[in-house]
Amino acid sequence: MIPRSGACAPWISVPEVQALPKVKTRGEAVIEKGELEDVQLEDLCAESATAASDILYELSGCIFPGECGPVTVRPVSRPTDIDTRSWASLSPVGWISTQGLASAYGSYNPAVLARYGSLEPPTIELPYAVTGIVQVKIDGEVIPADEYELRDFKSLVRIRPSSSTVPVARYGWPTSQIMDLADTEPGTFSITYMFGVPPPAAGKLAAKKLAEYLIMPQLGDATHYPQRIRSISRQGVSAMVTDVLDLLKQGMLGIYECDLFINSVNPNRNARQAAVWSPDLGRPGRRTERPSLS
């Protein structure tokens, strides 16, 4: 799988680009003249929508990737309330460790599954702003959606619908798994989810405006200039413009709607969002899949 660059999904759709007044008028004209076919116009609109989204995504500090995924991770649970490995009892032959059994949420299991006790329902911390859980599997079995819930857009909590409910495929979340087997096999655990942050209304408006500027020259409109133009002589086809390098060095495009959006969400021109990471936390391996287009 090729690593993602740019936004996960375009901020605007092809119909939204086609509905822009100038694009609609010019598009109908070139189609009527036979210069383009409908499908070619759609391709140009799609290309402009994607390019505009990618440019604004980068200039706004990579804050709004849109809807991303599905992503599949293979984590393990690490309850930390209590460590039962330190529990032991005194017998005539000395101290005997109780590692053979371990407490778990709602039951107890052999130590090969868990050696920890937990006062709270089992929780898996996911590494992104999760927007939805697609599927959870344990031992190759799909876990019903009423046996877990997503909290704070990142914490997946195992729950029991009622006190009499017998959970599918174990209590809690597995504390170990066989990583070299597919998640359809016994002894495995996987979570598939969607993540990402959608752009705000100002971002979508900026994307429409930028897409318009990108597509109009491809439709043969040589009079569609950005607002950085200082003066123009149409008959002489000459124009005086602000130096584009000066604008780009400042992280600006010379388009009012775009620059207003960029200045509002990324005034310091950060290339990426700040993040804090600790080697104690680790990170679950993940498997990415493209959604089916059929």
Protein backbone atom coordinates (compact mmCIF):
# COMPACT_ATOMS: atom_id res chain seq x y z
CA MET A 1 0.00 0.00 0.00
CA ILE A 2 1.39 3.41 -1.00
CA PRO A 3 1.62 5.78 2.01
CA ARG A 4 -0.99 8.52 1.97
CA SER A 5 -0.01 12.02 0.86
CA GLY A 6 -2.42 14.91 1.07
CA ALA A 7 -5.94 14.70 2.42
CA CYS A 8 -7.60 11.29 2.77
CA ALA A 9 -10.59 12.44 0.75
CA PRO A 10 -11.41 15.59 -1.25
CA TRP A 11 -13.03 18.34 0.81
CA ILE A 12 -15.53 18.98 -1.98
CA SER A 13 -17.31 16.76 -4.47
CA VAL A 14 -17.38 16.75 -8.26
CA PRO A 15 -21.03 17.99 -8.38
CA GLU A 16 -20.07 20.91 -6.11
CA VAL A 17 -17.32 21.96 -8.54
CA GLN A 18 -19.60 21.51 -11.54
CA ALA A 19 -22.28 23.65 -9.86
CA LEU A 20 -19.98 26.67 -9.47
CA PRO A 21 -21.50 29.36 -11.73
CA LYS A 22 -18.39 30.08 -13.77
CA VAL A 23 -17.49 26.42 -14.14
CA LYS A 24 -21.05 25.51 -15.12
CA THR A 25 -21.30 28.25 -17.77
CA ARG A 26 -17.88 27.55 -19.24
CA GLY A 27 -18.34 23.79 -19.05
CA GLU A 28 -21.62 23.88 -20.95
CA ALA A 29 -19.98 26.06 -23.59
CA VAL A 30 -17.04 23.75 -24.27
CA ILE A 31 -19.29 20.68 -24.33
CA GLU A 32 -21.64 22.38 -26.79
CA LYS A 33 -18.68 23.18 -29.04
CA GLY A 34 -17.53 19.57 -28.86
CA GLU A 35 -14.21 20.50 -27.23
CA LEU A 36 -14.90 18.23 -24.26
CA GLU A 37 -17.21 15.35 -23.41
CA ASP A 38 -19.21 15.09 -20.21
CA VAL A 39 -16.91 12.46 -18.74
CA GLN A 40 -13.83 14.57 -19.49
CA LEU A 41 -15.38 17.53 -17.71
CA GLU A 42 -16.12 15.33 -14.70
CA ASP A 43 -12.52 14.15 -14.66
CA LEU A 44 -11.25 17.73 -14.69
CA CYS A 45 -13.60 18.65 -11.86
CA ALA A 46 -12.47 15.65 -9.83
CA GLU A 47 -8.82 16.51 -10.42
CA SER A 48 -9.36 20.13 -9.41
CA ALA A 49 -11.30 19.14 -6.28
CA THR A 50 -8.54 16.76 -5.18
CA ALA A 51 -5.72 19.21 -5.96
CA ALA A 52 -7.46 22.08 -4.14
CA SER A 53 -8.08 19.88 -1.10
CA ASP A 54 -4.48 18.66 -0.97
CA ILE A 55 -3.05 22.17 -1.26
CA LEU A 56 -5.28 23.60 1.46
CA TYR A 57 -4.69 20.54 3.66
CA GLU A 58 -0.94 21.18 3.60
CA LEU A 59 -1.17 24.97 4.00
CA SER A 60 -3.59 24.66 6.91
CA GLY A 61 -1.15 22.51 8.89
CA CYS A 62 -2.55 19.07 7.98
CA ILE A 63 -5.38 19.46 10.51
CA PHE A 64 -8.33 18.37 8.38
CA PRO A 65 -7.64 15.16 6.44
CA GLY A 66 -11.33 14.41 5.92
CA GLU A 67 -12.60 10.83 6.27
CA CYS A 68 -9.75 8.30 6.41
CA GLY A 69 -9.72 4.54 6.50
CA PRO A 70 -10.66 1.85 6.94
CA VAL A 71 -7.62 1.01 9.07
CA THR A 72 -7.17 -2.31 10.85
CA VAL A 73 -4.98 -2.51 13.96
CA ARG A 74 -3.88 -5.55 15.94
CA PRO A 75 -3.57 -4.29 19.54
CA VAL A 76 -3.42 -6.05 22.90
CA SER A 77 -5.01 -4.97 26.17
CA ARG A 78 -2.77 -3.68 28.95
CA PRO A 79 -4.88 -3.24 32.13
CA THR A 80 -2.88 -1.27 34.70
CA ASP A 81 -5.07 -0.94 37.80
CA ILE A 82 -3.49 -3.93 39.51
CA ASP A 83 -0.71 -6.41 38.78
CA THR A 84 -1.61 -9.83 40.15
CA ARG A 85 1.86 -11.20 39.52
CA SER A 86 2.89 -9.81 42.91
CA TRP A 87 0.12 -11.69 44.73
CA ALA A 88 1.21 -14.78 46.69
CA SER A 89 0.32 -16.83 49.77
CA LEU A 90 2.32 -18.47 52.56
CA SER A 91 2.26 -22.29 52.76
CA PRO A 92 4.21 -24.95 54.66
CA VAL A 93 6.69 -25.11 51.77
CA GLY A 94 7.08 -21.33 51.49
CA TRP A 95 5.60 -18.60 49.32
CA ILE A 96 3.46 -19.83 46.45
CA SER A 97 2.83 -17.51 43.53
CA THR A 98 -0.74 -17.17 42.29
CA GLN A 99 0.26 -16.51 38.70
CA GLY A 100 -1.77 -19.51 37.61
CA LEU A 101 -4.97 -17.45 37.85
CA ALA A 102 -5.68 -13.83 37.12
CA SER A 103 -8.69 -11.60 37.65
CA ALA A 104 -10.39 -10.10 34.63
CA TYR A 105 -13.48 -8.02 34.01
CA GLY A 106 -16.43 -10.30 34.68
CA SER A 107 -14.45 -13.51 35.08
CA TYR A 108 -11.03 -15.04 35.67
CA ASN A 109 -8.82 -16.64 33.09
CA PRO A 110 -5.60 -18.64 32.88
CA ALA A 111 -2.43 -16.59 33.19
CA VAL A 112 -1.63 -17.15 29.54
CA LEU A 113 -4.46 -14.73 28.73
CA ALA A 114 -4.02 -12.19 31.53
CA ARG A 115 -2.11 -11.63 34.73
CA TYR A 116 -3.73 -8.34 35.55
CA GLY A 117 -6.83 -7.25 37.41
CA SER A 118 -8.89 -4.28 36.30
CA LEU A 119 -11.46 -2.27 38.20
CA GLU A 120 -12.78 -0.61 35.03
CA PRO A 121 -14.19 -2.20 31.88
CA PRO A 122 -11.39 -3.20 29.47
CA THR A 123 -10.33 -0.34 27.22
CA ILE A 124 -8.19 -0.10 24.08
CA GLU A 125 -6.74 3.33 23.30
CA LEU A 126 -6.74 3.98 19.55
CA PRO A 127 -4.13 6.33 18.07
CA TYR A 128 -6.39 8.65 16.03
CA ALA A 129 -9.51 10.73 16.27
CA VAL A 130 -11.80 7.80 15.49
CA THR A 131 -15.07 8.63 13.75
CA GLY A 132 -16.55 5.14 13.66
CA ILE A 133 -15.87 1.48 14.37
CA VAL A 134 -16.30 -0.71 11.29
CA GLN A 135 -15.65 -4.10 12.86
CA VAL A 136 -14.07 -5.84 15.85
CA LYS A 137 -12.93 -9.46 15.70
CA ILE A 138 -11.64 -11.80 18.40
CA ASP A 139 -10.52 -15.33 17.48
CA GLY A 140 -11.90 -14.66 14.01
CA GLU A 141 -15.41 -13.97 15.35
CA VAL A 142 -17.11 -10.62 14.72
CA ILE A 143 -18.04 -9.00 18.03
CA PRO A 144 -21.59 -7.52 18.09
CA ALA A 145 -21.68 -3.73 18.22
CA ASP A 146 -23.65 -3.77 21.49
CA GLU A 147 -20.67 -5.34 23.26
CA TYR A 148 -18.42 -2.29 22.91
CA GLU A 149 -18.67 1.48 22.69
CA LEU A 150 -16.41 4.30 21.52
CA ARG A 151 -15.65 7.00 24.07
CA ASP A 152 -13.98 10.38 23.48
CA PHE A 153 -13.32 9.41 19.84
CA LYS A 154 -10.37 7.21 20.87
CA SER A 155 -11.20 4.74 23.66
CA LEU A 156 -12.87 1.46 22.69
CA VAL A 157 -14.52 0.01 25.81
CA ARG A 158 -15.79 -3.58 26.12
CA ILE A 159 -19.22 -3.65 27.75
CA ARG A 160 -21.93 -6.17 28.56
CA PRO A 161 -25.47 -5.23 27.51
CA SER A 162 -26.78 -6.86 30.69
CA SER A 163 -25.47 -8.77 33.70
CA SER A 164 -26.69 -12.05 32.20
CA THR A 165 -25.05 -11.49 28.81
CA VAL A 166 -22.37 -14.00 27.87
CA PRO A 167 -19.83 -12.08 25.73
CA VAL A 168 -18.85 -13.40 22.34
CA ALA A 169 -15.28 -14.75 22.22
CA ARG A 170 -13.99 -14.05 25.76
CA TYR A 171 -14.60 -11.46 28.42
CA GLY A 172 -12.81 -8.15 28.02
CA TRP A 173 -10.11 -7.56 25.41
CA PRO A 174 -7.33 -10.07 24.74
CA THR A 175 -4.01 -9.32 26.44
CA SER A 176 -2.06 -11.34 23.88
CA GLN A 177 -2.50 -12.58 20.34
CA ILE A 178 -0.71 -14.47 17.57
CA MET A 179 0.43 -11.68 15.30
CA ASP A 180 1.63 -13.78 12.37
CA LEU A 181 -1.85 -15.23 11.76
CA ALA A 182 -4.66 -13.51 9.86
CA ASP A 183 -7.35 -11.98 12.06
CA THR A 184 -9.74 -14.69 10.89
CA GLU A 185 -7.89 -17.29 12.95
CA PRO A 186 -8.24 -18.33 16.62
CA GLY A 187 -5.90 -16.50 18.98
CA THR A 188 -6.13 -13.17 17.12
CA PHE A 189 -7.69 -9.76 17.79
CA SER A 190 -8.30 -6.85 15.40
CA ILE A 191 -10.14 -3.53 15.28
CA THR A 192 -11.14 -1.86 12.02
CA TYR A 193 -12.16 1.79 12.18
CA MET A 194 -12.52 5.08 10.34
CA PHE A 195 -10.81 8.26 11.49
CA GLY A 196 -10.11 11.85 10.49
CA VAL A 197 -11.36 15.39 10.98
CA PRO A 198 -13.62 16.99 8.33
CA PRO A 199 -12.82 20.52 7.15
CA PRO A 200 -14.95 23.39 8.46
CA ALA A 201 -17.31 25.40 6.27
CA ALA A 202 -14.59 27.99 5.60
CA GLY A 203 -12.30 25.23 4.36
CA LYS A 204 -14.92 23.90 1.97
CA LEU A 205 -15.60 27.39 0.65
CA ALA A 206 -11.87 27.94 0.13
CA ALA A 207 -11.58 24.58 -1.66
CA LYS A 208 -14.40 25.52 -4.05
CA LYS A 209 -12.74 28.84 -4.86
CA LEU A 210 -9.33 27.28 -5.39
CA ALA A 211 -10.80 24.48 -7.52
CA GLU A 212 -12.45 27.14 -9.67
CA TYR A 213 -9.12 28.88 -10.23
CA LEU A 214 -7.47 25.57 -11.09
CA ILE A 215 -10.05 24.34 -13.58
CA MET A 216 -10.98 27.50 -15.48
CA PRO A 217 -7.73 27.75 -17.48
CA GLN A 218 -8.20 24.10 -18.50
CA LEU A 219 -11.60 25.07 -19.88
CA GLY A 220 -10.02 27.75 -22.03
CA ASP A 221 -10.85 30.76 -19.84
CA ALA A 222 -7.73 32.97 -19.93
CA THR A 223 -9.46 35.90 -18.21
CA HIS A 224 -9.96 34.25 -14.82
CA TYR A 225 -7.28 35.85 -12.68
CA PRO A 226 -6.71 35.68 -8.93
CA GLN A 227 -7.13 38.77 -6.80
CA ARG A 228 -3.38 39.36 -6.57
CA ILE A 229 -3.63 41.16 -9.94
CA ARG A 230 -2.74 44.85 -9.52
CA SER A 231 -3.59 46.02 -13.01
CA ILE A 232 -4.45 44.56 -16.38
CA SER A 233 -4.71 45.71 -19.97
CA ARG A 234 -7.05 43.33 -21.76
CA GLN A 235 -6.43 44.54 -25.29
CA GLY A 236 -2.69 44.46 -24.78
CA VAL A 237 -2.98 41.23 -22.79
CA SER A 238 -0.59 42.58 -20.16
CA ALA A 239 -0.90 42.46 -16.40
CA MET A 240 1.02 43.57 -13.34
CA VAL A 241 0.89 41.00 -10.56
CA THR A 242 2.20 40.56 -7.06
CA ASP A 243 5.33 38.40 -7.07
CA VAL A 244 4.09 34.83 -6.62
CA LEU A 245 7.25 33.88 -4.73
CA ASP A 246 6.48 36.49 -2.08
CA LEU A 247 3.04 35.00 -1.60
CA LEU A 248 4.24 31.40 -1.49
CA LYS A 249 6.97 32.23 1.04
CA GLN A 250 4.22 33.54 3.32
CA GLY A 251 2.10 30.41 2.78
CA MET A 252 -0.55 32.36 0.87
CA LEU A 253 -2.22 31.91 -2.51
CA GLY A 254 -3.44 35.41 -3.32
CA ILE A 255 -7.07 34.21 -3.25
CA TYR A 256 -9.06 35.97 -0.55
CA GLU A 257 -11.20 33.02 0.55
CA CYS A 258 -8.20 30.68 0.71
CA ASP A 259 -5.91 33.08 2.56
CA LEU A 260 -8.65 33.97 5.03
CA PHE A 261 -9.13 30.29 5.85
CA ILE A 262 -5.39 29.57 6.14
CA ASN A 263 -4.81 32.58 8.39
CA SER A 264 -7.70 31.59 10.66
CA VAL A 265 -6.64 27.97 11.28
CA ASN A 266 -2.86 28.15 10.82
CA PRO A 267 -1.64 31.70 11.55
CA ASN A 268 1.86 30.49 12.49
CA ARG A 269 2.25 28.48 9.28
CA ASN A 270 2.93 25.20 11.06
CA ALA A 271 3.71 22.32 8.72
CA ARG A 272 2.11 19.75 11.05
CA GLN A 273 0.15 19.59 14.28
CA ALA A 274 2.23 19.32 17.44
CA ALA A 275 2.23 15.85 19.00
CA VAL A 276 3.57 14.20 22.14
CA TRP A 277 4.70 10.59 22.18
CA SER A 278 6.27 8.39 24.81
CA PRO A 279 8.15 5.13 24.17
CA ASP A 280 6.19 3.66 27.09
CA LEU A 281 2.98 3.86 25.11
CA GLY A 282 4.05 1.91 22.07
CA ARG A 283 1.89 1.78 18.98
CA PRO A 284 -0.18 -1.07 17.59
CA GLY A 285 0.68 -2.29 14.13
CA ARG A 286 -1.93 -1.44 11.54
CA ARG A 287 -3.08 -2.76 8.19
CA THR A 288 -4.64 -0.35 5.74
CA GLU A 289 -7.27 -1.22 3.18
CA ARG A 290 -8.87 0.76 0.43
CA PRO A 291 -12.68 0.76 0.56
CA SER A 292 -14.33 -1.12 -2.27
CA LEU A 293 -15.46 1.05 -5.17
CA SER A 294 -17.94 -1.50 -6.48
